[in-house]
Protein backbone atom coordinates (compact mmCIF):
# COMPACT_ATOMS: atom_id res chain seq x y z
CA MET A 1 25.93 16.55 51.08
CA ILE A 2 23.98 19.45 49.56
CA LEU A 3 26.24 19.38 46.51
CA PHE A 4 25.46 15.69 46.08
CA LEU A 5 21.70 16.37 46.28
CA VAL A 6 21.97 19.22 43.74
CA LEU A 7 24.03 17.03 41.42
CA SER A 8 21.53 14.16 41.76
CA GLY A 9 18.63 16.56 41.09
CA GLY A 10 20.40 17.91 38.01
CA ILE A 11 20.96 14.40 36.69
CA MET A 12 17.29 13.56 37.30
CA ILE A 13 16.13 16.71 35.49
CA LEU A 14 18.51 15.94 32.61
CA ALA A 15 17.13 12.38 32.46
CA LEU A 16 13.56 13.74 32.35
CA ILE A 17 14.47 16.12 29.50
CA ILE A 18 16.14 13.32 27.52
CA ASN A 19 13.16 11.04 28.19
CA ASN A 20 10.79 13.77 26.94
CA MET A 21 12.89 14.23 23.78
CA ILE A 22 12.88 10.50 23.07
CA THR A 23 9.14 10.23 23.74
CA SER A 24 8.30 13.13 21.42
CA TRP A 25 10.59 11.73 18.69
CA HIS A 26 8.90 8.33 19.03
CA THR A 27 5.43 9.92 18.84
CA ASP A 28 6.44 11.87 15.72
CA GLN A 29 7.79 8.69 14.13
CA LEU A 30 4.53 6.84 14.86
CA LYS A 31 2.49 9.64 13.29
CA ALA A 32 4.73 9.64 10.21
CA PHE A 33 4.41 5.86 9.87
CA GLN A 34 0.63 6.05 10.21
CA ILE A 35 0.44 8.71 7.48
CA GLU A 36 2.68 6.59 5.25
CA GLU A 37 0.55 3.51 5.96
CA VAL A 38 -2.61 5.35 4.89
CA GLY A 39 -0.91 6.45 1.68
CA LEU A 40 0.29 2.93 0.94
CA ARG A 41 -3.16 1.47 1.64
CA ASN A 42 -4.71 3.98 -0.78
CA ARG A 43 -2.14 3.09 -3.45
CA LEU A 44 -2.83 -0.63 -2.89
CA ASP A 45 -6.58 -0.12 -3.17
CA SER A 46 -6.22 1.84 -6.41
CA ALA A 47 -3.85 -0.80 -7.82
CA ILE A 48 -6.32 -3.56 -6.94
CA ASP A 49 -9.16 -1.64 -8.61
CA LYS A 50 -7.04 -1.04 -11.71
CA GLN A 51 -6.05 -4.71 -11.88
CA ARG A 52 -9.68 -5.78 -11.49
CA ASN A 53 -10.77 -3.48 -14.32
CA LEU A 54 -7.96 -4.69 -16.57
CA LEU A 55 -8.83 -8.33 -15.86
CA ILE A 56 -12.45 -7.64 -16.78
CA GLU A 57 -11.32 -5.95 -19.99
CA LEU A 58 -8.98 -8.86 -20.77
CA ARG A 59 -11.78 -11.36 -20.15
CA ASN A 60 -14.06 -9.42 -22.55
CA ILE A 61 -11.35 -9.34 -25.23
CA LYS A 62 -10.76 -13.07 -24.79
CA ALA A 63 -14.49 -13.72 -25.16
CA GLU A 64 -14.53 -11.65 -28.37
CA ILE A 65 -11.57 -13.61 -29.76
CA VAL A 66 -13.19 -16.95 -28.93
CA ASN A 67 -16.44 -15.74 -30.46
CA CYS A 68 -14.70 -14.64 -33.67
CA LYS A 69 -12.76 -17.91 -33.81
CA ASN A 70 -15.99 -19.89 -33.47
CA MET A 71 -17.64 -17.78 -36.18
CA ILE A 72 -14.71 -18.39 -38.55
CA GLU A 73 -14.70 -22.13 -37.85
CA SER A 74 -18.45 -22.23 -38.32
CA GLN A 75 -18.15 -20.39 -41.64
CA TYR A 76 -15.52 -22.86 -42.87
CA MET A 77 -17.69 -25.79 -41.85
CA ASP A 78 -20.71 -24.34 -43.66
CA ASP A 79 -18.96 -23.08 -46.81
CA GLY A 80 -15.95 -25.34 -46.95
CA PHE A 81 -12.40 -24.16 -47.61
CA ASP A 82 -13.04 -22.89 -51.17
């Protein structure tokens, strides 16, 4: 009977140790995922800012091209094709 109680207690202690190991591994994994998420969010924010700046630059270049095209067409209309 005592041997059975000691064996049961040993199994319970072993289960608690395994549970603690799994819990600490899970906590470490959550921390790692949170750190990775912050890094990915920062990369996304910088990519969005870069894309926004490039779109603004592209819009300005397009406006310059349209402006130059209109100036050329206007010059041809005023002076003719000669």
